[in-house]
Amino acid sequence: MSIVRNIAGIAKGMSITFGEMLQPTQVENYPDGPGPLRGAKFEQRYRGAHVLQRDENGLEKCVACFLCAAACPSNCIYIEADENTEEKRISSSERYAKVYNIDYNRCIFCGYCVEACPTDAITHGHGFELATLNATNLVMRKEDMLTPFQARTEEK
């Protein structure tokens, strides 16, 4: 009896395989068109390249609290803090991240850094094109991850 069930299972699997072979091939127009994750329903949950956010005044949200680096299981986040002055204001807090590096050679995109951040300064973006032949290009610096400031205009 088990031999009959095994043969029926193989026949069912092969029928699906042969049915798919006869269907036309569906390809993504990826290098020239939109990528495979754009417009998908799971895009909002996708964990792509990290983004450092700014507040509504254009100041950096990161206050160099080191909670993201402490939460990181792969130890890929490196931060150096510096003090804000009245002449040079980088963040709204007393401190700011003078150096903020993420080593994507080690990052496992777990999202613990995003969850640990009390100011929502670091988020996951939707960038997935991180492949490179040179491993030194995978160390992202603050300047690479910081969002550009866009002044909000009030609509009347």
Protein backbone atom coordinates (compact mmCIF):
# COMPACT_ATOMS: atom_id res chain seq x y z
CA MET A 1 0.00 0.00 0.00
CA SER A 2 2.82 2.45 0.79
CA ILE A 3 4.38 1.76 -2.62
CA VAL A 4 1.16 2.88 -4.31
CA ARG A 5 1.08 6.07 -2.20
CA ASN A 6 4.71 6.81 -3.04
CA ILE A 7 4.12 6.32 -6.76
CA ALA A 8 1.00 8.53 -6.60
CA GLY A 9 3.01 11.24 -4.80
CA ILE A 10 5.77 11.11 -7.41
CA ALA A 11 3.24 11.22 -10.24
CA LYS A 12 1.52 14.25 -8.69
CA GLY A 13 4.85 16.06 -8.27
CA MET A 14 5.93 15.29 -11.82
CA SER A 15 2.56 16.49 -13.18
CA ILE A 16 3.11 19.85 -11.47
CA THR A 17 6.66 20.02 -12.84
CA PHE A 18 5.61 19.23 -16.40
CA GLY A 19 2.69 21.66 -16.15
CA GLU A 20 5.09 24.45 -15.14
CA MET A 21 7.47 23.57 -17.96
CA LEU A 22 4.75 24.29 -20.50
CA GLN A 23 3.90 27.73 -19.05
CA PRO A 24 5.61 30.85 -20.48
CA THR A 25 8.59 32.12 -18.51
CA GLN A 26 7.98 35.16 -16.32
CA VAL A 27 11.03 37.37 -15.82
CA GLU A 28 11.67 40.57 -13.91
CA ASN A 29 12.86 43.57 -15.85
CA TYR A 30 15.13 44.27 -12.88
CA PRO A 31 18.24 46.11 -14.06
CA ASP A 32 16.23 48.31 -16.40
CA GLY A 33 12.95 48.50 -14.52
CA PRO A 34 11.73 48.43 -10.94
CA GLY A 35 13.29 45.90 -8.62
CA PRO A 36 11.60 42.74 -7.38
CA LEU A 37 10.55 44.24 -4.01
CA ARG A 38 9.03 47.49 -5.23
CA GLY A 39 5.29 47.64 -4.90
CA ALA A 40 5.08 44.31 -3.12
CA LYS A 41 2.75 43.98 -0.15
CA PHE A 42 5.61 43.00 2.15
CA GLU A 43 7.74 46.05 1.29
CA GLN A 44 6.87 47.79 4.55
CA ARG A 45 8.35 44.89 6.55
CA TYR A 46 11.47 44.49 4.41
CA ARG A 47 14.76 45.02 6.26
CA GLY A 48 17.09 46.74 3.82
CA ALA A 49 20.03 49.07 4.23
CA HIS A 50 19.91 51.22 7.36
CA VAL A 51 18.88 54.87 7.24
CA LEU A 52 19.70 57.54 9.84
CA GLN A 53 16.76 59.90 10.22
CA ARG A 54 16.53 63.64 10.85
CA ASP A 55 13.93 65.50 12.88
CA GLU A 56 11.58 68.16 11.50
CA ASN A 57 14.22 70.88 12.06
CA GLY A 58 16.86 69.06 10.04
CA LEU A 59 18.89 68.00 13.09
CA GLU A 60 20.07 64.42 13.43
CA LYS A 61 17.89 62.24 15.63
CA CYS A 62 20.81 60.13 16.84
CA VAL A 63 21.89 61.21 20.33
CA ALA A 64 24.78 58.71 20.58
CA CYS A 65 23.24 56.67 23.38
CA PHE A 66 24.97 53.48 22.16
CA LEU A 67 21.84 51.37 22.69
CA CYS A 68 21.84 50.20 19.07
CA ALA A 69 25.46 49.08 19.32
CA ALA A 70 24.74 47.30 22.61
CA ALA A 71 21.73 45.48 21.13
CA CYS A 72 23.58 44.34 18.00
CA PRO A 73 24.38 40.60 18.26
CA SER A 74 26.99 40.73 15.50
CA ASN A 75 28.77 43.78 16.93
CA CYS A 76 28.80 45.59 13.59
CA ILE A 77 27.89 49.11 14.77
CA TYR A 78 30.65 51.51 15.77
CA ILE A 79 29.82 54.90 17.31
CA GLU A 80 31.92 57.79 18.57
CA ALA A 81 30.07 60.48 20.50
CA ASP A 82 30.84 64.18 20.69
CA GLU A 83 29.28 67.11 22.55
CA ASN A 84 27.00 69.64 20.90
CA THR A 85 27.87 73.31 21.34
CA GLU A 86 25.75 76.41 20.86
CA GLU A 87 27.76 77.33 17.75
CA LYS A 88 27.72 73.83 16.29
CA ARG A 89 24.39 72.10 16.85
CA ILE A 90 24.15 68.66 15.19
CA SER A 91 21.37 67.01 17.22
CA SER A 92 18.71 68.26 19.61
CA SER A 93 20.40 66.56 22.56
CA GLU A 94 23.65 67.26 24.43
CA ARG A 95 25.53 64.68 22.36
CA TYR A 96 25.57 63.51 18.78
CA ALA A 97 27.20 60.69 16.85
CA LYS A 98 30.43 62.09 15.46
CA VAL A 99 31.17 58.72 13.84
CA TYR A 100 28.45 56.17 13.05
CA ASN A 101 29.56 53.14 11.03
CA ILE A 102 27.79 49.90 10.20
CA ASP A 103 29.85 47.04 8.82
CA TYR A 104 27.58 45.17 6.41
CA ASN A 105 30.14 42.38 6.21
CA ARG A 106 28.94 41.42 9.69
CA CYS A 107 25.36 42.76 9.82
CA ILE A 108 22.65 40.09 9.88
CA PHE A 109 19.73 42.55 9.41
CA CYS A 110 18.05 41.34 12.59
CA GLY A 111 16.47 44.72 13.37
CA TYR A 112 17.55 44.81 17.03
CA CYS A 113 19.26 48.18 16.50
CA VAL A 114 16.02 49.65 15.14
CA GLU A 115 14.02 48.29 18.07
CA ALA A 116 16.57 49.52 20.66
CA CYS A 117 16.75 53.12 19.42
CA PRO A 118 14.76 55.39 21.77
CA THR A 119 14.64 58.30 19.31
CA ASP A 120 13.80 56.30 16.15
CA ALA A 121 17.02 57.60 14.65
CA ILE A 122 17.92 54.39 12.82
CA THR A 123 15.46 52.57 10.59
CA HIS A 124 15.59 49.97 7.88
CA GLY A 125 15.23 51.38 4.39
CA HIS A 126 14.21 49.53 1.26
CA GLY A 127 17.64 49.45 -0.36
CA PHE A 128 18.78 45.97 -1.24
CA GLU A 129 21.52 46.60 -3.80
CA LEU A 130 24.47 46.16 -1.44
CA ALA A 131 26.52 43.65 -3.44
CA THR A 132 30.11 44.60 -4.22
CA LEU A 133 33.37 42.89 -5.05
CA ASN A 134 35.31 44.97 -2.51
CA ALA A 135 34.58 44.25 1.16
CA THR A 136 35.71 47.73 2.24
CA ASN A 137 32.76 49.21 0.34
CA LEU A 138 30.41 47.46 2.77
CA VAL A 139 31.35 49.67 5.72
CA MET A 140 28.68 52.38 5.62
CA ARG A 141 29.45 55.66 7.29
CA LYS A 142 27.09 58.22 8.75
CA GLU A 143 27.27 60.34 5.61
CA ASP A 144 26.16 57.36 3.51
CA MET A 145 23.15 56.56 5.70
CA LEU A 146 21.91 60.03 6.73
CA THR A 147 18.76 61.18 4.98
CA PRO A 148 18.99 64.53 3.24
CA PHE A 149 17.12 67.36 4.93
CA GLN A 150 13.97 68.41 3.13
CA ALA A 151 12.30 71.49 4.52
CA ARG A 152 8.58 70.95 4.91
CA THR A 153 6.38 73.55 3.32
CA GLU A 154 3.01 74.33 4.81
CA GLU A 155 0.12 73.99 2.43
CA LYS A 156 -2.49 76.72 2.70
